[in-house]
Amino acid sequence: MRLDGRRESSNVEDRRGMGGGTKAGLGGLAGILLIALITFLNGGGIGDVVTNVIQQGDLTSIQEETPSGQREFTEEEEALARFSRQVLASTEDVWTQEFQKMGLTYTPPTLVLFTGSVSSACGEASSSVGPFYCSGDQKLYIDLSFFTEMKSQLGADGDFSYAYVIAHEVGHHVENLLGTLNEAHVQMNRVSKAEANKISVRLELLADYYAGVWGHYENAAYGSLEEGDIEEAIDCAEKIGDNYLQKKARGYVQPESFTHGTSAQRMRWLKRGLDTGNMKTTTFGIPESQL
């Protein structure tokens, strides 16, 4: 993905190196590292988008001390931070224009970079929950080491794959601004856990779709996607499907516990957004068989 010379967003809080104290971790199954990764990809862990997943999760407490105070970052870490700021800036440009087409004003979210643990309006979180969006403060939170783990644990690599992760969280912000997120959460509070999971799947697939919409207009404006970029993102979408992750971690799947959608669904909605860029498309109000 070509972003050389592109602007970097100023809507960023760099809290890296400031974390410390107790972390919330995950235990059991295939080991803490893999399950921690799956916690994000299979439901996140801290923001409003994934509250129901926390409740069904296998959470345990892990005491881990991380040094406080700033530290120097490697060249790779700084490159990832710069890339993240550029991707966020691109989402700001795209969504500002798309909201204008709808007669609306886009208010961009703030990206919080952190290491170890972080405090948000949705609560305390450790890096084990992965990237997440909190509607309470309209911020998305990312420990950049997640991208390294995504590569080593799932084999999902490539700059556009990383951009897809950021754009997906921004997609939840778009849902929030359009009122979709709140409406879905109201419904989720009124139904059974199994039905709430189905609503969560629609939210997550819509965020995937919005990530694709962003990629559609980003590439149309700048021709930034290179050969293999789309394939990288589609491969990533496959490897973060609920069925793929549950099979990898447990050896079997539980469809009733799906909260993000299957690999096929995630790939389909991401690609649909990339292909069409149509903001009238939604995952709500359509039969489950069409997801």
C-alpha atoms as a PDB file:
ATOM      1  CA  MET A   1       0.000   0.000   0.000  1.00  0.00           C
ATOM      2  CA  ARG A   2       1.557   3.268  -1.135  1.00  0.00           C
ATOM      3  CA  LEU A   3       1.246   6.019   1.472  1.00  0.00           C
ATOM      4  CA  ASP A   4       4.626   7.719   1.004  1.00  0.00           C
ATOM      5  CA  GLY A   5       4.364  11.456   1.449  1.00  0.00           C
ATOM      6  CA  ARG A   6       0.782  11.303   2.669  1.00  0.00           C
ATOM      7  CA  ARG A   7      -0.290  13.367   5.661  1.00  0.00           C
ATOM      8  CA  GLU A   8      -0.490  11.938   9.168  1.00  0.00           C
ATOM      9  CA  SER A   9      -3.543  12.491  11.327  1.00  0.00           C
ATOM     10  CA  SER A  10      -3.235  14.801  14.326  1.00  0.00           C
ATOM     11  CA  ASN A  11      -6.130  13.012  16.054  1.00  0.00           C
ATOM     12  CA  VAL A  12      -3.722  10.721  17.846  1.00  0.00           C
ATOM     13  CA  GLU A  13      -2.798  10.218  21.489  1.00  0.00           C
ATOM     14  CA  ASP A  14       0.532   8.455  21.858  1.00  0.00           C
ATOM     15  CA  ARG A  15       0.479   6.747  25.242  1.00  0.00           C
ATOM     16  CA  ARG A  16       3.065   4.134  24.391  1.00  0.00           C
ATOM     17  CA  GLY A  17       5.374   3.239  27.231  1.00  0.00           C
ATOM     18  CA  MET A  18       2.984   4.642  29.805  1.00  0.00           C
ATOM     19  CA  GLY A  19       1.148   1.427  30.721  1.00  0.00           C
ATOM     20  CA  GLY A  20       1.697  -0.635  33.828  1.00  0.00           C
ATOM     21  CA  GLY A  21       0.164  -2.607  36.642  1.00  0.00           C
ATOM     22  CA  THR A  22      -2.383  -5.387  36.437  1.00  0.00           C
ATOM     23  CA  LYS A  23      -3.459  -6.712  33.109  1.00  0.00           C
ATOM     24  CA  ALA A  24      -6.568  -8.640  32.205  1.00  0.00           C
ATOM     25  CA  GLY A  25      -5.538 -11.805  30.440  1.00  0.00           C
ATOM     26  CA  LEU A  26      -7.075 -14.953  29.065  1.00  0.00           C
ATOM     27  CA  GLY A  27      -6.403 -18.499  30.060  1.00  0.00           C
ATOM     28  CA  GLY A  28      -7.010 -22.019  28.881  1.00  0.00           C
ATOM     29  CA  LEU A  29      -7.267 -23.827  25.569  1.00  0.00           C
ATOM     30  CA  ALA A  30      -4.286 -23.221  23.319  1.00  0.00           C
ATOM     31  CA  GLY A  31      -2.256 -20.961  25.563  1.00  0.00           C
ATOM     32  CA  ILE A  32      -2.536 -17.379  26.714  1.00  0.00           C
ATOM     33  CA  LEU A  33      -0.899 -15.743  23.706  1.00  0.00           C
ATOM     34  CA  LEU A  34      -3.076 -17.392  21.083  1.00  0.00           C
ATOM     35  CA  ILE A  35      -6.267 -17.020  23.092  1.00  0.00           C
ATOM     36  CA  ALA A  36      -5.467 -13.391  23.841  1.00  0.00           C
ATOM     37  CA  LEU A  37      -5.150 -12.798  20.122  1.00  0.00           C
ATOM     38  CA  ILE A  38      -8.345 -14.693  19.430  1.00  0.00           C
ATOM     39  CA  THR A  39     -10.160 -12.673  22.083  1.00  0.00           C
ATOM     40  CA  PHE A  40      -9.840  -9.601  19.908  1.00  0.00           C
ATOM     41  CA  LEU A  41     -10.387 -11.276  16.597  1.00  0.00           C
ATOM     42  CA  ASN A  42     -13.236 -13.383  17.950  1.00  0.00           C
ATOM     43  CA  GLY A  43     -14.940 -10.597  19.838  1.00  0.00           C
ATOM     44  CA  GLY A  44     -12.571  -7.961  21.146  1.00  0.00           C
ATOM     45  CA  GLY A  45     -12.959  -7.537  24.827  1.00  0.00           C
ATOM     46  CA  ILE A  46     -13.512  -4.017  26.119  1.00  0.00           C
ATOM     47  CA  GLY A  47     -15.542  -1.633  23.960  1.00  0.00           C
ATOM     48  CA  ASP A  48     -19.288  -1.436  23.619  1.00  0.00           C
ATOM     49  CA  VAL A  49     -19.050  -3.362  20.375  1.00  0.00           C
ATOM     50  CA  VAL A  50     -17.875  -6.509  22.153  1.00  0.00           C
ATOM     51  CA  THR A  51     -19.365  -6.301  25.656  1.00  0.00           C
ATOM     52  CA  ASN A  52     -21.338  -9.484  25.186  1.00  0.00           C
ATOM     53  CA  VAL A  53     -18.192 -11.319  24.166  1.00  0.00           C
ATOM     54  CA  ILE A  54     -16.451 -10.390  27.403  1.00  0.00           C
ATOM     55  CA  GLN A  55     -19.353 -11.885  29.297  1.00  0.00           C
ATOM     56  CA  GLN A  56     -19.035 -15.186  27.448  1.00  0.00           C
ATOM     57  CA  GLY A  57     -15.233 -15.158  27.520  1.00  0.00           C
ATOM     58  CA  ASP A  58     -12.850 -17.302  29.519  1.00  0.00           C
ATOM     59  CA  LEU A  59     -11.247 -14.439  31.417  1.00  0.00           C
ATOM     60  CA  THR A  60      -8.721 -14.878  34.196  1.00  0.00           C
ATOM     61  CA  SER A  61      -6.548 -12.345  35.958  1.00  0.00           C
ATOM     62  CA  ILE A  62      -2.875 -12.069  35.216  1.00  0.00           C
ATOM     63  CA  GLN A  63      -0.586  -9.876  37.295  1.00  0.00           C
ATOM     64  CA  GLU A  64       2.056  -8.329  35.106  1.00  0.00           C
ATOM     65  CA  GLU A  65       4.180  -5.326  35.847  1.00  0.00           C
ATOM     66  CA  THR A  66       5.227  -3.135  32.945  1.00  0.00           C
ATOM     67  CA  PRO A  67       7.683  -0.324  33.355  1.00  0.00           C
ATOM     68  CA  SER A  68       6.202   3.140  33.535  1.00  0.00           C
ATOM     69  CA  GLY A  69       7.520   6.169  31.722  1.00  0.00           C
ATOM     70  CA  GLN A  70       8.462   6.771  28.122  1.00  0.00           C
ATOM     71  CA  ARG A  71      10.947   4.602  26.269  1.00  0.00           C
ATOM     72  CA  GLU A  72      12.638   4.751  22.920  1.00  0.00           C
ATOM     73  CA  PHE A  73      10.971   2.850  20.113  1.00  0.00           C
ATOM     74  CA  THR A  74      12.500   0.746  17.391  1.00  0.00           C
ATOM     75  CA  GLU A  75      12.514   1.811  13.769  1.00  0.00           C
ATOM     76  CA  GLU A  76       9.861  -0.825  13.055  1.00  0.00           C
ATOM     77  CA  GLU A  77       7.624   0.473  15.852  1.00  0.00           C
ATOM     78  CA  GLU A  78       7.929   4.032  14.629  1.00  0.00           C
ATOM     79  CA  ALA A  79       7.185   2.956  11.069  1.00  0.00           C
ATOM     80  CA  LEU A  80       3.999   1.208  12.253  1.00  0.00           C
ATOM     81  CA  ALA A  81       2.991   4.285  14.245  1.00  0.00           C
ATOM     82  CA  ARG A  82       3.503   6.532  11.220  1.00  0.00           C
ATOM     83  CA  PHE A  83       1.596   4.098   9.001  1.00  0.00           C
ATOM     84  CA  SER A  84      -1.290   4.033  11.488  1.00  0.00           C
ATOM     85  CA  ARG A  85      -1.454   7.830  11.559  1.00  0.00           C
ATOM     86  CA  GLN A  86      -1.485   7.920   7.753  1.00  0.00           C
ATOM     87  CA  VAL A  87      -4.244   5.322   7.525  1.00  0.00           C
ATOM     88  CA  LEU A  88      -6.291   7.243  10.076  1.00  0.00           C
ATOM     89  CA  ALA A  89      -5.788  10.443   8.057  1.00  0.00           C
ATOM     90  CA  SER A  90      -7.003   8.638   4.956  1.00  0.00           C
ATOM     91  CA  THR A  91     -10.141   7.435   6.764  1.00  0.00           C
ATOM     92  CA  GLU A  92     -10.775  11.026   7.846  1.00  0.00           C
ATOM     93  CA  ASP A  93     -10.618  12.232   4.243  1.00  0.00           C
ATOM     94  CA  VAL A  94     -12.814   9.447   2.878  1.00  0.00           C
ATOM     95  CA  TRP A  95     -15.483   9.547   5.573  1.00  0.00           C
ATOM     96  CA  THR A  96     -15.663  13.351   5.556  1.00  0.00           C
ATOM     97  CA  GLN A  97     -16.569  13.195   1.864  1.00  0.00           C
ATOM     98  CA  GLU A  98     -18.972  10.276   2.260  1.00  0.00           C
ATOM     99  CA  PHE A  99     -20.815  11.961   5.129  1.00  0.00           C
ATOM    100  CA  GLN A 100     -21.061  15.172   3.078  1.00  0.00           C
ATOM    101  CA  LYS A 101     -22.767  13.162   0.316  1.00  0.00           C
ATOM    102  CA  MET A 102     -25.354  12.113   2.909  1.00  0.00           C
ATOM    103  CA  GLY A 103     -25.791  15.683   4.162  1.00  0.00           C
ATOM    104  CA  LEU A 104     -23.991  14.868   7.410  1.00  0.00           C
ATOM    105  CA  THR A 105     -20.865  16.033   9.204  1.00  0.00           C
ATOM    106  CA  TYR A 106     -18.162  13.532  10.018  1.00  0.00           C
ATOM    107  CA  THR A 107     -16.472  13.850  13.394  1.00  0.00           C
ATOM    108  CA  PRO A 108     -13.265  11.774  13.299  1.00  0.00           C
ATOM    109  CA  PRO A 109     -12.320   9.471  16.149  1.00  0.00           C
ATOM    110  CA  THR A 110      -9.071   9.701  18.095  1.00  0.00           C
ATOM    111  CA  LEU A 111      -6.497   6.959  17.749  1.00  0.00           C
ATOM    112  CA  VAL A 112      -4.808   5.991  21.014  1.00  0.00           C
ATOM    113  CA  LEU A 113      -1.508   4.140  20.694  1.00  0.00           C
ATOM    114  CA  PHE A 114      -0.558   2.269  23.849  1.00  0.00           C
ATOM    115  CA  THR A 115       1.654  -0.496  25.168  1.00  0.00           C
ATOM    116  CA  GLY A 116       0.740  -3.005  27.819  1.00  0.00           C
ATOM    117  CA  SER A 117      -2.461  -1.545  29.219  1.00  0.00           C
ATOM    118  CA  VAL A 118      -4.668   1.494  28.808  1.00  0.00           C
ATOM    119  CA  SER A 119      -7.579   3.311  30.413  1.00  0.00           C
ATOM    120  CA  SER A 120     -10.618   4.164  28.304  1.00  0.00           C
ATOM    121  CA  ALA A 121     -14.162   5.387  28.886  1.00  0.00           C
ATOM    122  CA  CYS A 122     -15.189   1.739  28.440  1.00  0.00           C
ATOM    123  CA  GLY A 123     -12.867   0.578  31.226  1.00  0.00           C
ATOM    124  CA  GLU A 124      -9.331  -0.649  31.737  1.00  0.00           C
ATOM    125  CA  ALA A 125      -7.859  -2.852  29.018  1.00  0.00           C
ATOM    126  CA  SER A 126      -4.681  -4.763  28.438  1.00  0.00           C
ATOM    127  CA  SER A 127      -3.009  -5.294  25.098  1.00  0.00           C
ATOM    128  CA  SER A 128      -4.345  -8.863  25.160  1.00  0.00           C
ATOM    129  CA  VAL A 129      -7.776  -7.636  24.050  1.00  0.00           C
ATOM    130  CA  GLY A 130      -6.286  -6.321  20.812  1.00  0.00           C
ATOM    131  CA  PRO A 131      -7.460  -3.195  18.967  1.00  0.00           C
ATOM    132  CA  PHE A 132     -10.889  -1.943  20.026  1.00  0.00           C
ATOM    133  CA  TYR A 133     -13.284   0.958  19.594  1.00  0.00           C
ATOM    134  CA  CYS A 134     -14.951   2.630  22.565  1.00  0.00           C
ATOM    135  CA  SER A 135     -18.103   4.583  21.735  1.00  0.00           C
ATOM    136  CA  GLY A 136     -17.995   6.174  25.201  1.00  0.00           C
ATOM    137  CA  ASP A 137     -15.070   8.407  24.214  1.00  0.00           C
ATOM    138  CA  GLN A 138     -15.121   7.847  20.428  1.00  0.00           C
ATOM    139  CA  LYS A 139     -11.570   6.564  20.433  1.00  0.00           C
ATOM    140  CA  LEU A 140      -9.921   3.513  18.941  1.00  0.00           C
ATOM    141  CA  TYR A 141      -7.131   1.862  20.885  1.00  0.00           C
ATOM    142  CA  ILE A 142      -4.241  -0.106  19.422  1.00  0.00           C
ATOM    143  CA  ASP A 143      -1.120  -1.705  20.853  1.00  0.00           C
ATOM    144  CA  LEU A 144       1.012  -1.887  17.720  1.00  0.00           C
ATOM    145  CA  SER A 145       2.571  -5.167  18.831  1.00  0.00           C
ATOM    146  CA  PHE A 146      -0.748  -6.695  17.796  1.00  0.00           C
ATOM    147  CA  PHE A 147       0.328  -6.535  14.166  1.00  0.00           C
ATOM    148  CA  THR A 148       3.420  -8.606  14.962  1.00  0.00           C
ATOM    149  CA  GLU A 149       1.267 -11.172  16.756  1.00  0.00           C
ATOM    150  CA  MET A 150      -1.212 -11.192  13.876  1.00  0.00           C
ATOM    151  CA  LYS A 151       1.630 -12.175  11.573  1.00  0.00           C
ATOM    152  CA  SER A 152       3.280 -14.743  13.845  1.00  0.00           C
ATOM    153  CA  GLN A 153       0.128 -16.395  15.216  1.00  0.00           C
ATOM    154  CA  LEU A 154      -2.197 -16.327  12.209  1.00  0.00           C
ATOM    155  CA  GLY A 155       0.079 -15.723   9.258  1.00  0.00           C
ATOM    156  CA  ALA A 156      -1.974 -12.640   8.388  1.00  0.00           C
ATOM    157  CA  ASP A 157       0.544 -10.123   7.107  1.00  0.00           C
ATOM    158  CA  GLY A 158       0.878  -7.131   4.816  1.00  0.00           C
ATOM    159  CA  ASP A 159       0.373  -3.402   5.201  1.00  0.00           C
ATOM    160  CA  PHE A 160      -3.140  -3.444   3.757  1.00  0.00           C
ATOM    161  CA  SER A 161      -4.073  -6.163   6.246  1.00  0.00           C
ATOM    162  CA  TYR A 162      -2.945  -3.825   9.020  1.00  0.00           C
ATOM    163  CA  ALA A 163      -4.854  -0.960   7.417  1.00  0.00           C
ATOM    164  CA  TYR A 164      -7.950  -3.180   7.295  1.00  0.00           C
ATOM    165  CA  VAL A 165      -7.726  -3.716  11.078  1.00  0.00           C
ATOM    166  CA  ILE A 166      -7.645   0.050  11.674  1.00  0.00           C
ATOM    167  CA  ALA A 167     -10.371   0.724   9.096  1.00  0.00           C
ATOM    168  CA  HIS A 168     -12.581  -1.927  10.718  1.00  0.00           C
ATOM    169  CA  GLU A 169     -12.411  -0.120  14.073  1.00  0.00           C
ATOM    170  CA  VAL A 170     -13.115   3.186  12.315  1.00  0.00           C
ATOM    171  CA  GLY A 171     -16.047   1.360  10.738  1.00  0.00           C
ATOM    172  CA  HIS A 172     -17.510   0.929  14.224  1.00  0.00           C
ATOM    173  CA  HIS A 173     -17.117   4.676  14.704  1.00  0.00           C
ATOM    174  CA  VAL A 174     -19.069   5.243  11.496  1.00  0.00           C
ATOM    175  CA  GLU A 175     -21.763   2.922  12.866  1.00  0.00           C
ATOM    176  CA  ASN A 176     -21.769   4.978  16.045  1.00  0.00           C
ATOM    177  CA  LEU A 177     -22.156   8.307  14.239  1.00  0.00           C
ATOM    178  CA  LEU A 178     -24.956   6.933  12.062  1.00  0.00           C
ATOM    179  CA  GLY A 179     -26.803   5.589  15.100  1.00  0.00           C
ATOM    180  CA  THR A 180     -26.523   1.966  14.032  1.00  0.00           C
ATOM    181  CA  LEU A 181     -24.317   0.977  16.953  1.00  0.00           C
ATOM    182  CA  ASN A 182     -26.647   2.332  19.625  1.00  0.00           C
ATOM    183  CA  GLU A 183     -29.743   0.836  17.997  1.00  0.00           C
ATOM    184  CA  ALA A 184     -28.041  -2.559  17.834  1.00  0.00           C
ATOM    185  CA  HIS A 185     -26.992  -2.409  21.480  1.00  0.00           C
ATOM    186  CA  VAL A 186     -30.532  -1.538  22.547  1.00  0.00           C
ATOM    187  CA  GLN A 187     -31.763  -4.616  20.685  1.00  0.00           C
ATOM    188  CA  MET A 188     -28.995  -6.778  22.138  1.00  0.00           C
ATOM    189  CA  ASN A 189     -30.067  -5.855  25.672  1.00  0.00           C
ATOM    190  CA  ARG A 190     -33.606  -7.034  24.979  1.00  0.00           C
ATOM    191  CA  VAL A 191     -32.908 -10.489  23.581  1.00  0.00           C
ATOM    192  CA  SER A 192     -31.201 -13.716  24.567  1.00  0.00           C
ATOM    193  CA  LYS A 193     -27.458 -14.152  24.413  1.00  0.00           C
ATOM    194  CA  ALA A 194     -27.721 -16.251  21.259  1.00  0.00           C
ATOM    195  CA  GLU A 195     -29.834 -13.594  19.528  1.00  0.00           C
ATOM    196  CA  ALA A 196     -27.498 -10.852  20.776  1.00  0.00           C
ATOM    197  CA  ASN A 197     -24.590 -12.716  19.197  1.00  0.00           C
ATOM    198  CA  LYS A 198     -26.418 -12.658  15.857  1.00  0.00           C
ATOM    199  CA  ILE A 199     -26.820  -8.880  16.115  1.00  0.00           C
ATOM    200  CA  SER A 200     -23.131  -8.589  16.980  1.00  0.00           C
ATOM    201  CA  VAL A 201     -22.278 -10.507  13.815  1.00  0.00           C
ATOM    202  CA  ARG A 202     -24.231  -7.964  11.756  1.00  0.00           C
ATOM    203  CA  LEU A 203     -22.350  -5.099  13.438  1.00  0.00           C
ATOM    204  CA  GLU A 204     -18.993  -6.691  12.770  1.00  0.00           C
ATOM    205  CA  LEU A 205     -19.762  -7.550   9.161  1.00  0.00           C
ATOM    206  CA  LEU A 206     -20.960  -3.991   8.619  1.00  0.00           C
ATOM    207  CA  ALA A 207     -17.668  -2.694  10.048  1.00  0.00           C
ATOM    208  CA  ASP A 208     -15.879  -4.996   7.600  1.00  0.00           C
ATOM    209  CA  TYR A 209     -18.018  -3.580   4.812  1.00  0.00           C
ATOM    210  CA  TYR A 210     -17.208  -0.010   5.847  1.00  0.00           C
ATOM    211  CA  ALA A 211     -13.517  -0.919   5.892  1.00  0.00           C
ATOM    212  CA  GLY A 212     -13.967  -2.027   2.308  1.00  0.00           C
ATOM    213  CA  VAL A 213     -15.834   1.184   1.429  1.00  0.00           C
ATOM    214  CA  TRP A 214     -12.900   3.164   2.787  1.00  0.00           C
ATOM    215  CA  GLY A 215     -10.471   1.091   0.687  1.00  0.00           C
ATOM    216  CA  HIS A 216     -12.639   1.629  -2.394  1.00  0.00           C
ATOM    217  CA  TYR A 217     -12.503   5.420  -2.209  1.00  0.00           C
ATOM    218  CA  GLU A 218      -8.908   5.570  -0.947  1.00  0.00           C
ATOM    219  CA  ASN A 219      -7.747   3.642  -3.993  1.00  0.00           C
ATOM    220  CA  ALA A 220     -10.013   5.609  -6.347  1.00  0.00           C
ATOM    221  CA  ALA A 221      -8.489   8.871  -5.142  1.00  0.00           C
ATOM    222  CA  TYR A 222      -4.833   7.872  -4.874  1.00  0.00           C
ATOM    223  CA  GLY A 223      -4.325   4.521  -6.600  1.00  0.00           C
ATOM    224  CA  SER A 224      -2.647   3.461  -3.381  1.00  0.00           C
ATOM    225  CA  LEU A 225      -3.371  -0.256  -3.548  1.00  0.00           C
ATOM    226  CA  GLU A 226      -0.586  -2.339  -4.993  1.00  0.00           C
ATOM    227  CA  GLU A 227      -0.645  -5.813  -6.486  1.00  0.00           C
ATOM    228  CA  GLY A 228      -1.515  -8.329  -3.792  1.00  0.00           C
ATOM    229  CA  ASP A 229      -2.921  -5.797  -1.314  1.00  0.00           C
ATOM    230  CA  ILE A 230      -6.546  -6.807  -1.695  1.00  0.00           C
ATOM    231  CA  GLU A 231      -5.585 -10.479  -1.513  1.00  0.00           C
ATOM    232  CA  GLU A 232      -3.743  -9.763   1.768  1.00  0.00           C
ATOM    233  CA  ALA A 233      -6.808  -8.160   3.306  1.00  0.00           C
ATOM    234  CA  ILE A 234      -9.115 -10.920   2.080  1.00  0.00           C
ATOM    235  CA  ASP A 235      -6.730 -13.512   3.510  1.00  0.00           C
ATOM    236  CA  CYS A 236      -6.765 -11.646   6.812  1.00  0.00           C
ATOM    237  CA  ALA A 237     -10.575 -11.572   6.786  1.00  0.00           C
ATOM    238  CA  GLU A 238     -10.603 -15.332   6.267  1.00  0.00           C
ATOM    239  CA  LYS A 239      -8.267 -15.947   9.195  1.00  0.00           C
ATOM    240  CA  ILE A 240     -10.302 -13.840  11.609  1.00  0.00           C
ATOM    241  CA  GLY A 241     -13.580 -15.602  10.895  1.00  0.00           C
ATOM    242  CA  ASP A 242     -15.175 -17.097  14.008  1.00  0.00           C
ATOM    243  CA  ASN A 243     -15.156 -20.600  12.562  1.00  0.00           C
ATOM    244  CA  TYR A 244     -11.464 -20.385  11.576  1.00  0.00           C
ATOM    245  CA  LEU A 245     -10.356 -19.088  14.967  1.00  0.00           C
ATOM    246  CA  GLN A 246     -12.474 -21.451  17.015  1.00  0.00           C
ATOM    247  CA  LYS A 247     -11.274 -24.417  14.966  1.00  0.00           C
ATOM    248  CA  LYS A 248      -7.670 -23.299  15.438  1.00  0.00           C
ATOM    249  CA  ALA A 249      -8.037 -22.812  19.189  1.00  0.00           C
ATOM    250  CA  ARG A 250     -10.462 -25.574  20.162  1.00  0.00           C
ATOM    251  CA  GLY A 251     -10.526 -28.039  17.318  1.00  0.00           C
ATOM    252  CA  TYR A 252     -14.265 -27.507  16.860  1.00  0.00           C
ATOM    253  CA  VAL A 253     -16.718 -24.668  16.279  1.00  0.00           C
ATOM    254  CA  GLN A 254     -19.807 -23.396  18.113  1.00  0.00           C
ATOM    255  CA  PRO A 255     -21.904 -21.428  15.592  1.00  0.00           C
ATOM    256  CA  GLU A 256     -24.247 -20.151  18.314  1.00  0.00           C
ATOM    257  CA  SER A 257     -21.301 -18.345  19.907  1.00  0.00           C
ATOM    258  CA  PHE A 258     -20.195 -16.576  16.718  1.00  0.00           C
ATOM    259  CA  THR A 259     -19.973 -12.810  17.242  1.00  0.00           C
ATOM    260  CA  HIS A 260     -18.034 -11.602  14.192  1.00  0.00           C
ATOM    261  CA  GLY A 261     -19.148 -13.914  11.396  1.00  0.00           C
ATOM    262  CA  THR A 262     -17.623 -16.783   9.473  1.00  0.00           C
ATOM    263  CA  SER A 263     -14.565 -16.493   7.269  1.00  0.00           C
ATOM    264  CA  ALA A 264     -16.755 -16.591   4.176  1.00  0.00           C
ATOM    265  CA  GLN A 265     -18.997 -13.835   5.500  1.00  0.00           C
ATOM    266  CA  ARG A 266     -16.126 -11.560   6.513  1.00  0.00           C
ATOM    267  CA  MET A 267     -14.361 -11.984   3.202  1.00  0.00           C
ATOM    268  CA  ARG A 268     -17.611 -11.411   1.304  1.00  0.00           C
ATOM    269  CA  TRP A 269     -18.547  -8.169   3.101  1.00  0.00           C
ATOM    270  CA  LEU A 270     -15.045  -6.714   2.958  1.00  0.00           C
ATOM    271  CA  LYS A 271     -14.822  -7.435  -0.761  1.00  0.00           C
ATOM    272  CA  ARG A 272     -18.316  -6.072  -1.367  1.00  0.00           C
ATOM    273  CA  GLY A 273     -17.307  -2.782   0.201  1.00  0.00           C
ATOM    274  CA  LEU A 274     -14.079  -2.683  -1.799  1.00  0.00           C
ATOM    275  CA  ASP A 275     -15.943  -3.390  -5.035  1.00  0.00           C
ATOM    276  CA  THR A 276     -18.917  -1.055  -4.666  1.00  0.00           C
ATOM    277  CA  GLY A 277     -18.312   1.701  -2.110  1.00  0.00           C
ATOM    278  CA  ASN A 278     -22.101   1.910  -1.789  1.00  0.00           C
ATOM    279  CA  MET A 279     -23.143   3.487   1.528  1.00  0.00           C
ATOM    280  CA  LYS A 280     -26.761   2.393   1.052  1.00  0.00           C
ATOM    281  CA  THR A 281     -25.782  -1.219   1.631  1.00  0.00           C
ATOM    282  CA  THR A 282     -26.241  -2.603   5.140  1.00  0.00           C
ATOM    283  CA  THR A 283     -26.113  -5.908   6.986  1.00  0.00           C
ATOM    284  CA  PHE A 284     -29.304  -5.066   8.892  1.00  0.00           C
ATOM    285  CA  GLY A 285     -32.814  -5.758   7.653  1.00  0.00           C
ATOM    286  CA  ILE A 286     -31.753  -8.569   5.362  1.00  0.00           C
ATOM    287  CA  PRO A 287     -32.286 -12.322   5.900  1.00  0.00           C
ATOM    288  CA  GLU A 288     -29.572 -14.146   7.813  1.00  0.00           C
ATOM    289  CA  SER A 289     -29.038 -16.355   4.765  1.00  0.00           C
ATOM    290  CA  GLN A 290     -27.833 -13.291   2.833  1.00  0.00           C
ATOM    291  CA  LEU A 291     -25.099 -12.350   5.277  1.00  0.00           C
END
